[in-house]
Amino acid sequence: MTYLELVNNVLTRLREPMITSVQKSEDAVVNIVKNLVNDSKRHVEMAHSWNATRNLWQFTTELGQPSYVLEDTHGGCRISKVTVNGNHIHQWDLQTLMHQTNKTGLAYRYAYDGTDNAGNLSIRVDPVPKAGDVIHVLGHKILPDLKEDGDEVRLPAQPVLYYALALAARERGEVGGQTATELFGMSSQFISDAIALDANLSPTEKIWAVV
């Protein structure tokens, strides 16, 4: 579902006129709904590590360069696994790694060492790698806010729609006889159902075992 479609779906349920574009609107209700849709998207996005937000960063190491920037992470990210040449490496504290600046070899641990000027996360591996090693970073990155009419939400649309509607209902008091409390309950159920469906696509990642 697109940004324009989401906004119109909320407006329709509020008994407001539909719009032809989200750009340059002077209608206060439309502008509130536009913001609520993005607030809702962020809420749904943070509720689960969605397959739609999954990302793989890949680097080929350069001699003597310990740090690598994870592009498009200025909005936030979750990192689940880091490997070097196919071998899983573990997270350590940055202070320990900073004391090993003269050590070189195949990296076996990592830490996050800040961001670049754009706010993208930087990862530092240790020991300082030789050239040609392959680093894979698997995780989830936060999707940018919706801005253009045709921007696709990518996340399950129903939870985003109903959470935005619930926020709008809280602003108004009720929507079509439904209270904000009722709509929040519906949106929570939609989110739970969507998470169950999404988790079913990667069941081995959702299994917990006592060790």
N, C-alpha and C. Protein backbone atom coordinates (compact mmCIF):
# COMPACT_ATOMS: atom_id res chain seq x y z
N MET A 1 0.84 -1.19 0.00
CA MET A 1 0.00 0.00 0.00
C MET A 1 0.88 1.25 0.00
N THR A 2 0.49 2.27 -0.78
CA THR A 2 1.29 3.48 -0.88
C THR A 2 0.94 4.46 0.24
N TYR A 3 1.79 5.47 0.38
CA TYR A 3 1.55 6.52 1.37
C TYR A 3 0.20 7.20 1.11
N LEU A 4 -0.08 7.56 -0.15
CA LEU A 4 -1.34 8.21 -0.48
C LEU A 4 -2.53 7.31 -0.15
N GLU A 5 -2.42 6.03 -0.45
CA GLU A 5 -3.51 5.10 -0.15
C GLU A 5 -3.74 4.98 1.35
N LEU A 6 -2.68 4.93 2.13
CA LEU A 6 -2.82 4.86 3.59
C LEU A 6 -3.50 6.10 4.13
N VAL A 7 -3.04 7.27 3.69
CA VAL A 7 -3.64 8.52 4.16
C VAL A 7 -5.12 8.57 3.80
N ASN A 8 -5.46 8.20 2.57
CA ASN A 8 -6.87 8.22 2.15
C ASN A 8 -7.71 7.20 2.91
N ASN A 9 -7.14 6.04 3.22
CA ASN A 9 -7.88 5.05 4.00
C ASN A 9 -8.22 5.57 5.39
N VAL A 10 -7.26 6.29 5.99
CA VAL A 10 -7.53 6.88 7.31
C VAL A 10 -8.56 7.99 7.18
N LEU A 11 -8.40 8.87 6.17
CA LEU A 11 -9.34 9.98 5.98
C LEU A 11 -10.76 9.47 5.75
N THR A 12 -10.89 8.42 4.96
CA THR A 12 -12.22 7.86 4.69
C THR A 12 -12.89 7.40 5.97
N ARG A 13 -12.13 6.74 6.84
CA ARG A 13 -12.68 6.25 8.11
C ARG A 13 -12.97 7.39 9.08
N LEU A 14 -12.33 8.52 8.86
CA LEU A 14 -12.63 9.71 9.67
C LEU A 14 -13.79 10.52 9.09
N ARG A 15 -14.34 10.03 7.96
CA ARG A 15 -15.40 10.72 7.22
C ARG A 15 -14.91 12.07 6.69
N GLU A 16 -13.67 12.08 6.25
CA GLU A 16 -13.08 13.26 5.64
C GLU A 16 -12.92 13.03 4.14
N PRO A 17 -12.90 14.09 3.33
CA PRO A 17 -12.71 13.94 1.89
C PRO A 17 -11.33 13.33 1.57
N MET A 18 -11.29 12.49 0.55
CA MET A 18 -10.03 11.92 0.09
C MET A 18 -9.23 12.99 -0.65
N ILE A 19 -7.93 12.77 -0.77
CA ILE A 19 -7.05 13.73 -1.44
C ILE A 19 -6.42 13.05 -2.65
N THR A 20 -5.91 13.87 -3.56
CA THR A 20 -5.25 13.34 -4.76
C THR A 20 -3.74 13.29 -4.61
N SER A 21 -3.21 13.98 -3.60
CA SER A 21 -1.76 13.98 -3.36
C SER A 21 -1.48 14.38 -1.93
N VAL A 22 -0.41 13.83 -1.37
CA VAL A 22 -0.01 14.20 0.00
C VAL A 22 0.87 15.45 0.01
N GLN A 23 1.21 15.96 -1.18
CA GLN A 23 2.11 17.09 -1.28
C GLN A 23 1.39 18.42 -1.10
N LYS A 24 1.99 19.29 -0.33
CA LYS A 24 1.58 20.70 -0.21
C LYS A 24 0.12 20.87 0.21
N SER A 25 -0.32 20.05 1.12
CA SER A 25 -1.69 20.20 1.61
C SER A 25 -1.74 21.29 2.68
N GLU A 26 -2.82 22.08 2.64
CA GLU A 26 -3.03 23.11 3.66
C GLU A 26 -4.15 22.73 4.63
N ASP A 27 -4.68 21.53 4.44
CA ASP A 27 -5.75 21.04 5.31
C ASP A 27 -5.12 20.48 6.59
N ALA A 28 -5.54 21.01 7.73
CA ALA A 28 -4.94 20.61 9.01
C ALA A 28 -5.17 19.13 9.29
N VAL A 29 -6.37 18.63 8.97
CA VAL A 29 -6.66 17.21 9.22
C VAL A 29 -5.76 16.32 8.38
N VAL A 30 -5.61 16.67 7.10
CA VAL A 30 -4.75 15.89 6.21
C VAL A 30 -3.32 15.87 6.74
N ASN A 31 -2.82 17.00 7.15
CA ASN A 31 -1.44 17.08 7.63
C ASN A 31 -1.25 16.28 8.92
N ILE A 32 -2.27 16.28 9.78
CA ILE A 32 -2.20 15.47 10.99
C ILE A 32 -2.16 13.99 10.63
N VAL A 33 -3.02 13.58 9.71
CA VAL A 33 -3.09 12.18 9.30
C VAL A 33 -1.78 11.75 8.66
N LYS A 34 -1.17 12.60 7.84
CA LYS A 34 0.12 12.28 7.23
C LYS A 34 1.17 11.97 8.29
N ASN A 35 1.21 12.79 9.33
CA ASN A 35 2.17 12.56 10.41
C ASN A 35 1.83 11.30 11.20
N LEU A 36 0.53 11.07 11.43
CA LEU A 36 0.12 9.89 12.19
C LEU A 36 0.45 8.60 11.45
N VAL A 37 0.35 8.61 10.12
CA VAL A 37 0.70 7.43 9.34
C VAL A 37 2.18 7.11 9.52
N ASN A 38 3.04 8.11 9.50
CA ASN A 38 4.46 7.85 9.72
C ASN A 38 4.75 7.45 11.16
N ASP A 39 4.04 8.04 12.11
CA ASP A 39 4.19 7.61 13.51
C ASP A 39 3.80 6.14 13.64
N SER A 40 2.72 5.76 12.97
CA SER A 40 2.25 4.38 13.02
C SER A 40 3.24 3.44 12.37
N LYS A 41 3.80 3.85 11.22
CA LYS A 41 4.80 3.01 10.55
C LYS A 41 5.97 2.72 11.47
N ARG A 42 6.45 3.76 12.17
CA ARG A 42 7.58 3.57 13.08
C ARG A 42 7.21 2.64 14.24
N HIS A 43 5.98 2.79 14.75
CA HIS A 43 5.53 1.93 15.85
C HIS A 43 5.50 0.47 15.42
N VAL A 44 4.91 0.20 14.27
CA VAL A 44 4.82 -1.17 13.77
C VAL A 44 6.22 -1.70 13.46
N GLU A 45 7.05 -0.88 12.89
CA GLU A 45 8.40 -1.30 12.51
C GLU A 45 9.22 -1.73 13.72
N MET A 46 9.06 -1.04 14.84
CA MET A 46 9.84 -1.35 16.03
C MET A 46 9.29 -2.53 16.80
N ALA A 47 8.11 -3.01 16.43
CA ALA A 47 7.48 -4.12 17.15
C ALA A 47 8.08 -5.47 16.81
N HIS A 48 8.86 -5.53 15.71
CA HIS A 48 9.33 -6.84 15.23
C HIS A 48 10.47 -6.63 14.24
N SER A 49 11.34 -7.62 14.11
CA SER A 49 12.38 -7.59 13.08
C SER A 49 11.80 -8.16 11.79
N TRP A 50 11.17 -7.30 11.02
CA TRP A 50 10.44 -7.72 9.83
C TRP A 50 11.39 -8.17 8.72
N ASN A 51 10.95 -9.16 7.96
CA ASN A 51 11.74 -9.58 6.80
C ASN A 51 11.87 -8.45 5.79
N ALA A 52 10.91 -7.55 5.75
CA ALA A 52 10.96 -6.42 4.82
C ALA A 52 12.09 -5.44 5.14
N THR A 53 12.57 -5.46 6.38
CA THR A 53 13.64 -4.53 6.76
C THR A 53 15.00 -5.22 6.82
N ARG A 54 15.03 -6.49 6.47
CA ARG A 54 16.29 -7.26 6.53
C ARG A 54 17.30 -6.69 5.54
N ASN A 55 18.56 -6.66 5.95
CA ASN A 55 19.60 -6.12 5.08
C ASN A 55 20.92 -6.84 5.33
N LEU A 56 21.71 -6.98 4.27
CA LEU A 56 23.03 -7.58 4.37
C LEU A 56 24.05 -6.57 3.88
N TRP A 57 24.95 -6.17 4.76
CA TRP A 57 26.06 -5.30 4.38
C TRP A 57 27.29 -6.17 4.12
N GLN A 58 28.00 -5.90 3.06
CA GLN A 58 29.18 -6.70 2.71
C GLN A 58 30.37 -5.78 2.45
N PHE A 59 31.51 -6.14 3.01
CA PHE A 59 32.73 -5.36 2.82
C PHE A 59 33.88 -6.30 2.47
N THR A 60 34.76 -5.85 1.62
CA THR A 60 36.05 -6.52 1.41
C THR A 60 37.09 -5.66 2.10
N THR A 61 37.78 -6.23 3.06
CA THR A 61 38.68 -5.45 3.90
C THR A 61 39.87 -4.90 3.12
N GLU A 62 40.34 -3.76 3.60
CA GLU A 62 41.54 -3.14 3.07
C GLU A 62 42.63 -3.21 4.13
N LEU A 63 43.86 -3.36 3.69
CA LEU A 63 44.98 -3.54 4.61
C LEU A 63 45.05 -2.38 5.61
N GLY A 64 45.04 -2.72 6.88
CA GLY A 64 45.22 -1.72 7.93
C GLY A 64 43.98 -0.91 8.26
N GLN A 65 42.84 -1.19 7.64
CA GLN A 65 41.61 -0.45 7.92
C GLN A 65 40.70 -1.27 8.82
N PRO A 66 40.54 -0.87 10.08
CA PRO A 66 39.73 -1.67 11.01
C PRO A 66 38.24 -1.35 11.01
N SER A 67 37.85 -0.14 10.54
CA SER A 67 36.46 0.30 10.67
C SER A 67 35.77 0.41 9.32
N TYR A 68 34.47 0.06 9.30
CA TYR A 68 33.68 0.09 8.08
C TYR A 68 32.29 0.63 8.40
N VAL A 69 31.78 1.50 7.51
CA VAL A 69 30.50 2.18 7.74
C VAL A 69 29.36 1.36 7.15
N LEU A 70 28.30 1.18 7.93
CA LEU A 70 27.10 0.50 7.48
C LEU A 70 26.17 1.55 6.86
N GLU A 71 26.09 1.54 5.54
CA GLU A 71 25.33 2.57 4.84
C GLU A 71 23.83 2.47 5.16
N ASP A 72 23.19 3.64 5.10
CA ASP A 72 21.73 3.76 5.30
C ASP A 72 21.28 3.29 6.69
N THR A 73 22.12 3.52 7.70
CA THR A 73 21.73 3.17 9.07
C THR A 73 21.54 4.41 9.94
N HIS A 74 21.48 5.58 9.31
CA HIS A 74 21.33 6.81 10.08
C HIS A 74 19.98 6.88 10.79
N GLY A 75 18.99 6.12 10.30
CA GLY A 75 17.69 6.08 10.97
C GLY A 75 17.60 5.03 12.06
N GLY A 76 18.64 4.21 12.19
CA GLY A 76 18.65 3.15 13.18
C GLY A 76 18.74 1.78 12.53
N CYS A 77 19.20 0.79 13.28
CA CYS A 77 19.30 -0.57 12.75
C CYS A 77 19.42 -1.56 13.91
N ARG A 78 19.20 -2.84 13.56
CA ARG A 78 19.43 -3.94 14.50
C ARG A 78 20.39 -4.89 13.81
N ILE A 79 21.46 -5.25 14.47
CA ILE A 79 22.44 -6.17 13.90
C ILE A 79 22.30 -7.51 14.60
N SER A 80 22.17 -8.59 13.81
CA SER A 80 21.98 -9.91 14.39
C SER A 80 23.19 -10.83 14.24
N LYS A 81 24.04 -10.57 13.24
CA LYS A 81 25.16 -11.48 13.02
C LYS A 81 26.25 -10.79 12.22
N VAL A 82 27.50 -11.05 12.60
CA VAL A 82 28.65 -10.54 11.86
C VAL A 82 29.59 -11.71 11.60
N THR A 83 30.02 -11.86 10.35
CA THR A 83 30.95 -12.93 10.00
C THR A 83 32.13 -12.36 9.23
N VAL A 84 33.27 -13.03 9.35
CA VAL A 84 34.46 -12.72 8.56
C VAL A 84 34.88 -14.00 7.86
N ASN A 85 34.90 -13.96 6.53
CA ASN A 85 35.21 -15.14 5.72
C ASN A 85 34.33 -16.33 6.10
N GLY A 86 33.07 -16.04 6.44
CA GLY A 86 32.11 -17.09 6.77
C GLY A 86 32.13 -17.54 8.21
N ASN A 87 33.05 -17.02 9.03
CA ASN A 87 33.14 -17.40 10.44
C ASN A 87 32.47 -16.35 11.32
N HIS A 88 31.57 -16.81 12.18
CA HIS A 88 30.87 -15.91 13.09
C HIS A 88 31.85 -15.29 14.07
N ILE A 89 31.75 -13.96 14.26
CA ILE A 89 32.60 -13.29 15.25
C ILE A 89 31.70 -12.63 16.30
N HIS A 90 32.26 -12.37 17.48
CA HIS A 90 31.48 -11.92 18.63
C HIS A 90 31.72 -10.46 18.95
N GLN A 91 30.72 -9.85 19.57
CA GLN A 91 30.83 -8.45 19.95
C GLN A 91 31.60 -8.31 21.26
N TRP A 92 32.52 -7.34 21.28
CA TRP A 92 33.28 -7.00 22.47
C TRP A 92 33.11 -5.51 22.74
N ASP A 93 33.68 -5.04 23.86
CA ASP A 93 33.60 -3.62 24.14
C ASP A 93 34.68 -2.88 23.35
N LEU A 94 34.36 -1.67 22.96
CA LEU A 94 35.25 -0.89 22.09
C LEU A 94 36.58 -0.58 22.77
N GLN A 95 36.55 -0.32 24.06
CA GLN A 95 37.78 0.06 24.76
C GLN A 95 38.84 -1.04 24.64
N THR A 96 38.42 -2.30 24.74
CA THR A 96 39.36 -3.41 24.59
C THR A 96 39.98 -3.42 23.20
N LEU A 97 39.14 -3.21 22.18
CA LEU A 97 39.65 -3.23 20.81
C LEU A 97 40.59 -2.07 20.54
N MET A 98 40.35 -0.92 21.16
CA MET A 98 41.18 0.25 20.92
C MET A 98 42.60 0.05 21.45
N HIS A 99 42.76 -0.87 22.41
CA HIS A 99 44.10 -1.13 22.97
C HIS A 99 44.89 -2.13 22.13
N GLN A 100 44.27 -2.64 21.05
CA GLN A 100 44.92 -3.66 20.23
C GLN A 100 45.29 -3.11 18.85
N THR A 101 45.65 -1.84 18.76
CA THR A 101 45.85 -1.18 17.47
C THR A 101 47.01 -1.73 16.67
N ASN A 102 47.99 -2.37 17.31
CA ASN A 102 49.15 -2.87 16.57
C ASN A 102 49.01 -4.33 16.16
N LYS A 103 47.89 -4.93 16.51
CA LYS A 103 47.69 -6.34 16.24
C LYS A 103 46.98 -6.53 14.91
N THR A 104 47.51 -7.38 14.04
CA THR A 104 46.88 -7.65 12.76
C THR A 104 46.60 -9.14 12.61
N GLY A 105 45.68 -9.48 11.71
CA GLY A 105 45.35 -10.88 11.49
C GLY A 105 43.89 -11.04 11.12
N LEU A 106 43.39 -12.26 11.20
CA LEU A 106 42.00 -12.54 10.89
C LEU A 106 41.12 -12.10 12.06
N ALA A 107 40.18 -11.22 11.78
CA ALA A 107 39.33 -10.67 12.84
C ALA A 107 38.45 -11.75 13.47
N TYR A 108 38.30 -11.67 14.80
CA TYR A 108 37.44 -12.63 15.50
C TYR A 108 36.48 -11.93 16.46
N ARG A 109 36.48 -10.59 16.47
CA ARG A 109 35.57 -9.85 17.33
C ARG A 109 35.33 -8.46 16.73
N TYR A 110 34.28 -7.80 17.22
CA TYR A 110 33.94 -6.49 16.68
C TYR A 110 33.30 -5.63 17.76
N ALA A 111 33.24 -4.33 17.48
CA ALA A 111 32.54 -3.37 18.33
C ALA A 111 32.07 -2.23 17.46
N TYR A 112 31.10 -1.48 17.93
CA TYR A 112 30.63 -0.31 17.20
C TYR A 112 31.43 0.89 17.69
N ASP A 113 31.93 1.68 16.75
CA ASP A 113 32.81 2.80 17.14
C ASP A 113 32.28 4.14 16.65
N GLY A 114 30.99 4.34 16.82
CA GLY A 114 30.42 5.64 16.51
C GLY A 114 29.74 5.67 15.15
N THR A 115 29.60 6.87 14.61
CA THR A 115 28.93 7.08 13.33
C THR A 115 29.77 8.00 12.45
N ASP A 116 29.43 8.00 11.15
CA ASP A 116 30.06 8.99 10.27
C ASP A 116 29.27 10.28 10.34
N ASN A 117 29.62 11.27 9.51
CA ASN A 117 28.96 12.58 9.57
C ASN A 117 27.49 12.54 9.20
N ALA A 118 27.07 11.49 8.49
CA ALA A 118 25.66 11.35 8.11
C ALA A 118 24.87 10.58 9.15
N GLY A 119 25.53 10.11 10.21
CA GLY A 119 24.85 9.36 11.25
C GLY A 119 24.80 7.87 11.01
N ASN A 120 25.51 7.37 9.99
CA ASN A 120 25.55 5.94 9.72
C ASN A 120 26.48 5.24 10.70
N LEU A 121 26.08 4.08 11.17
CA LEU A 121 26.82 3.33 12.17
C LEU A 121 28.13 2.79 11.58
N SER A 122 29.18 2.82 12.39
CA SER A 122 30.48 2.28 11.99
C SER A 122 30.82 1.08 12.85
N ILE A 123 31.32 0.03 12.21
CA ILE A 123 31.71 -1.18 12.92
C ILE A 123 33.22 -1.37 12.83
N ARG A 124 33.85 -1.72 13.94
CA ARG A 124 35.30 -1.92 13.99
C ARG A 124 35.58 -3.38 14.31
N VAL A 125 36.46 -3.99 13.52
CA VAL A 125 36.83 -5.38 13.75
C VAL A 125 38.23 -5.47 14.32
N ASP A 126 38.52 -6.56 14.99
CA ASP A 126 39.82 -6.77 15.61
C ASP A 126 40.18 -8.25 15.52
N PRO A 127 41.44 -8.58 15.21
CA PRO A 127 42.55 -7.69 14.91
C PRO A 127 42.32 -6.90 13.62
N VAL A 128 43.18 -5.90 13.40
CA VAL A 128 43.13 -5.13 12.16
C VAL A 128 43.33 -6.09 11.00
N PRO A 129 42.40 -6.14 10.05
CA PRO A 129 42.46 -7.18 9.02
C PRO A 129 43.48 -6.91 7.93
N LYS A 130 43.86 -7.99 7.28
CA LYS A 130 44.65 -7.87 6.05
C LYS A 130 43.70 -7.58 4.90
N ALA A 131 44.22 -7.30 3.72
CA ALA A 131 43.36 -7.02 2.57
C ALA A 131 42.71 -8.30 2.06
N GLY A 132 41.46 -8.16 1.60
CA GLY A 132 40.79 -9.27 0.92
C GLY A 132 39.89 -10.12 1.77
N ASP A 133 39.82 -9.90 3.08
CA ASP A 133 38.86 -10.64 3.90
C ASP A 133 37.45 -10.11 3.60
N VAL A 134 36.44 -10.97 3.74
CA VAL A 134 35.06 -10.57 3.45
C VAL A 134 34.27 -10.51 4.75
N ILE A 135 33.74 -9.33 5.03
CA ILE A 135 32.91 -9.12 6.21
C ILE A 135 31.45 -9.06 5.78
N HIS A 136 30.61 -9.88 6.41
CA HIS A 136 29.16 -9.81 6.21
C HIS A 136 28.51 -9.36 7.51
N VAL A 137 27.65 -8.38 7.43
CA VAL A 137 26.88 -7.91 8.58
C VAL A 137 25.40 -8.08 8.25
N LEU A 138 24.75 -8.96 9.00
CA LEU A 138 23.33 -9.24 8.77
C LEU A 138 22.49 -8.53 9.83
N GLY A 139 21.45 -7.87 9.39
CA GLY A 139 20.60 -7.17 10.36
C GLY A 139 19.37 -6.59 9.71
N HIS A 140 18.79 -5.61 10.39
CA HIS A 140 17.58 -4.94 9.91
C HIS A 140 17.81 -3.44 10.03
N LYS A 141 17.48 -2.72 8.97
CA LYS A 141 17.62 -1.27 9.02
C LYS A 141 16.25 -0.61 9.03
N ILE A 142 16.17 0.52 9.71
CA ILE A 142 14.92 1.26 9.82
C ILE A 142 14.60 1.91 8.47
N LEU A 143 13.39 1.73 8.00
CA LEU A 143 12.98 2.30 6.72
C LEU A 143 12.76 3.80 6.86
N PRO A 144 13.03 4.57 5.80
CA PRO A 144 12.80 6.02 5.87
C PRO A 144 11.32 6.35 5.96
N ASP A 145 11.03 7.54 6.46
CA ASP A 145 9.64 8.00 6.53
C ASP A 145 9.03 8.07 5.13
N LEU A 146 7.73 7.89 5.07
CA LEU A 146 7.00 8.02 3.81
C LEU A 146 6.85 9.50 3.47
N LYS A 147 7.12 9.85 2.22
CA LYS A 147 7.07 11.26 1.82
C LYS A 147 6.28 11.49 0.55
N GLU A 148 6.50 10.65 -0.47
CA GLU A 148 5.87 10.84 -1.77
C GLU A 148 4.60 10.01 -1.88
N ASP A 149 3.72 10.41 -2.79
CA ASP A 149 2.45 9.71 -2.99
C ASP A 149 2.64 8.21 -3.19
N GLY A 150 3.62 7.84 -4.02
CA GLY A 150 3.81 6.44 -4.38
C GLY A 150 4.74 5.66 -3.49
N ASP A 151 5.22 6.23 -2.40
CA ASP A 151 6.10 5.50 -1.49
C ASP A 151 5.36 4.31 -0.90
N GLU A 152 5.94 3.13 -1.05
CA GLU A 152 5.33 1.91 -0.51
C GLU A 152 5.71 1.74 0.95
N VAL A 153 4.73 1.33 1.76
CA VAL A 153 5.00 1.18 3.19
C VAL A 153 5.91 -0.01 3.47
N ARG A 154 5.85 -1.07 2.63
CA ARG A 154 6.66 -2.29 2.72
C ARG A 154 6.29 -3.15 3.93
N LEU A 155 5.95 -2.55 5.05
CA LEU A 155 5.49 -3.31 6.22
C LEU A 155 4.04 -3.73 5.98
N PRO A 156 3.51 -4.68 6.78
CA PRO A 156 2.09 -5.03 6.65
C PRO A 156 1.21 -3.79 6.80
N ALA A 157 0.34 -3.57 5.82
CA ALA A 157 -0.41 -2.31 5.76
C ALA A 157 -1.51 -2.19 6.81
N GLN A 158 -2.18 -3.30 7.10
CA GLN A 158 -3.33 -3.24 8.02
C GLN A 158 -2.95 -2.76 9.41
N PRO A 159 -1.86 -3.26 10.00
CA PRO A 159 -1.47 -2.73 11.32
C PRO A 159 -1.12 -1.25 11.27
N VAL A 160 -0.44 -0.83 10.22
CA VAL A 160 -0.07 0.58 10.09
C VAL A 160 -1.33 1.44 9.97
N LEU A 161 -2.26 1.00 9.13
CA LEU A 161 -3.51 1.74 8.93
C LEU A 161 -4.29 1.88 10.23
N TYR A 162 -4.48 0.78 10.95
CA TYR A 162 -5.35 0.84 12.13
C TYR A 162 -4.68 1.49 13.33
N TYR A 163 -3.36 1.44 13.41
CA TYR A 163 -2.70 2.16 14.50
C TYR A 163 -2.80 3.66 14.23
N ALA A 164 -2.64 4.07 12.96
CA ALA A 164 -2.80 5.48 12.61
C ALA A 164 -4.23 5.94 12.88
N LEU A 165 -5.20 5.08 12.57
CA LEU A 165 -6.60 5.42 12.83
C LEU A 165 -6.87 5.54 14.33
N ALA A 166 -6.26 4.67 15.11
CA ALA A 166 -6.41 4.74 16.56
C ALA A 166 -5.85 6.04 17.11
N LEU A 167 -4.70 6.46 16.59
CA LEU A 167 -4.12 7.73 17.01
C LEU A 167 -5.03 8.90 16.64
N ALA A 168 -5.62 8.81 15.44
CA ALA A 168 -6.54 9.86 15.01
C ALA A 168 -7.80 9.87 15.87
N ALA A 169 -8.28 8.69 16.23
CA ALA A 169 -9.48 8.60 17.07
C ALA A 169 -9.21 9.18 18.45
N ARG A 170 -8.03 8.97 18.95
CA ARG A 170 -7.68 9.56 20.26
C ARG A 170 -7.70 11.08 20.18
N GLU A 171 -7.32 11.60 19.03
CA GLU A 171 -7.35 13.05 18.81
C GLU A 171 -8.79 13.57 18.76
N ARG A 172 -9.67 12.79 18.12
CA ARG A 172 -11.05 13.23 17.92
C ARG A 172 -12.00 12.80 19.03
N GLY A 173 -11.71 11.67 19.65
CA GLY A 173 -12.61 11.16 20.67
C GLY A 173 -13.27 9.86 20.27
N GLU A 174 -13.65 9.73 18.98
CA GLU A 174 -14.21 8.48 18.44
C GLU A 174 -14.21 8.57 16.93
N VAL A 175 -14.34 7.41 16.29
CA VAL A 175 -14.40 7.33 14.83
C VAL A 175 -15.48 6.34 14.46
N GLY A 176 -16.55 6.80 13.83
CA GLY A 176 -17.61 5.90 13.40
C GLY A 176 -18.19 5.06 14.52
N GLY A 177 -18.24 5.64 15.72
CA GLY A 177 -18.79 4.91 16.85
C GLY A 177 -17.79 4.08 17.60
N GLN A 178 -16.58 3.98 17.07
CA GLN A 178 -15.53 3.21 17.75
C GLN A 178 -14.63 4.15 18.54
N THR A 179 -14.32 3.78 19.76
CA THR A 179 -13.45 4.59 20.59
C THR A 179 -11.99 4.29 20.27
N ALA A 180 -11.14 5.18 20.71
CA ALA A 180 -9.70 4.98 20.50
C ALA A 180 -9.24 3.69 21.17
N THR A 181 -9.79 3.38 22.33
CA THR A 181 -9.40 2.15 23.03
C THR A 181 -9.71 0.92 22.20
N GLU A 182 -10.91 0.91 21.59
CA GLU A 182 -11.28 -0.22 20.73
C GLU A 182 -10.34 -0.34 19.53
N LEU A 183 -10.01 0.79 18.92
CA LEU A 183 -9.15 0.79 17.74
C LEU A 183 -7.72 0.39 18.08
N PHE A 184 -7.23 0.81 19.24
CA PHE A 184 -5.89 0.39 19.68
C PHE A 184 -5.87 -1.13 19.88
N GLY A 185 -6.98 -1.66 20.42
CA GLY A 185 -7.05 -3.11 20.59
C GLY A 185 -7.03 -3.83 19.26
N MET A 186 -7.77 -3.31 18.27
CA MET A 186 -7.77 -3.90 16.94
C MET A 186 -6.40 -3.82 16.30
N SER A 187 -5.73 -2.67 16.44
CA SER A 187 -4.41 -2.52 15.83
C SER A 187 -3.40 -3.47 16.46
N SER A 188 -3.52 -3.67 17.77
CA SER A 188 -2.60 -4.61 18.45
C SER A 188 -2.80 -6.03 17.94
N GLN A 189 -4.06 -6.40 17.69
CA GLN A 189 -4.34 -7.73 17.16
C GLN A 189 -3.80 -7.87 15.75
N PHE A 190 -3.96 -6.83 14.93
CA PHE A 190 -3.43 -6.85 13.57
C PHE A 190 -1.91 -6.97 13.58
N ILE A 191 -1.26 -6.26 14.52
CA ILE A 191 0.20 -6.34 14.62
C ILE A 191 0.62 -7.75 15.03
N SER A 192 -0.06 -8.33 16.01
CA SER A 192 0.27 -9.69 16.47
C SER A 192 0.12 -10.70 15.34
N ASP A 193 -0.97 -10.59 14.59
CA ASP A 193 -1.21 -11.52 13.48
C ASP A 193 -0.14 -11.37 12.41
N ALA A 194 0.23 -10.12 12.10
CA ALA A 194 1.23 -9.88 11.07
C ALA A 194 2.61 -10.40 11.51
N ILE A 195 2.92 -10.25 12.79
CA ILE A 195 4.20 -10.76 13.30
C ILE A 195 4.23 -12.28 13.20
N ALA A 196 3.13 -12.93 13.53
CA ALA A 196 3.07 -14.39 13.45
C ALA A 196 3.29 -14.87 12.02
N LEU A 197 2.68 -14.19 11.06
CA LEU A 197 2.85 -14.57 9.66
C LEU A 197 4.29 -14.32 9.20
N ASP A 198 4.86 -13.18 9.59
CA ASP A 198 6.22 -12.85 9.18
C ASP A 198 7.24 -13.80 9.80
N ALA A 199 7.05 -14.12 11.08
CA ALA A 199 7.98 -15.02 11.77
C ALA A 199 7.95 -16.41 11.17
N ASN A 200 6.81 -16.79 10.60
CA ASN A 200 6.68 -18.10 9.98
C ASN A 200 7.57 -18.26 8.75
N LEU A 201 8.01 -17.13 8.18
CA LEU A 201 8.89 -17.18 7.02
C LEU A 201 10.32 -17.53 7.39
N SER A 202 10.69 -17.34 8.64
CA SER A 202 12.05 -17.66 9.09
C SER A 202 11.98 -18.34 10.45
N PRO A 203 11.38 -19.54 10.51
CA PRO A 203 11.11 -20.19 11.81
C PRO A 203 12.36 -20.54 12.59
N THR A 204 13.45 -20.88 11.91
CA THR A 204 14.66 -21.29 12.64
C THR A 204 15.30 -20.13 13.40
N GLU A 205 14.97 -18.89 13.01
CA GLU A 205 15.52 -17.74 13.71
C GLU A 205 14.71 -17.38 14.94
N LYS A 206 13.54 -17.99 15.10
CA LYS A 206 12.65 -17.67 16.22
C LYS A 206 12.59 -18.76 17.26
N ILE A 207 13.47 -19.76 17.16
CA ILE A 207 13.48 -20.87 18.10
C ILE A 207 14.48 -20.58 19.21
N TRP A 208 14.03 -20.69 20.46
CA TRP A 208 14.90 -20.49 21.62
C TRP A 208 15.10 -21.82 22.32
N ALA A 209 16.33 -22.08 22.68
CA ALA A 209 16.63 -23.33 23.36
C ALA A 209 17.51 -23.07 24.57
N VAL A 210 17.28 -23.81 25.64
CA VAL A 210 18.10 -23.69 26.84
C VAL A 210 19.41 -24.44 26.59
N VAL A 211 20.54 -23.74 26.88
CA VAL A 211 21.85 -24.36 26.68
C VAL A 211 22.65 -24.28 27.98
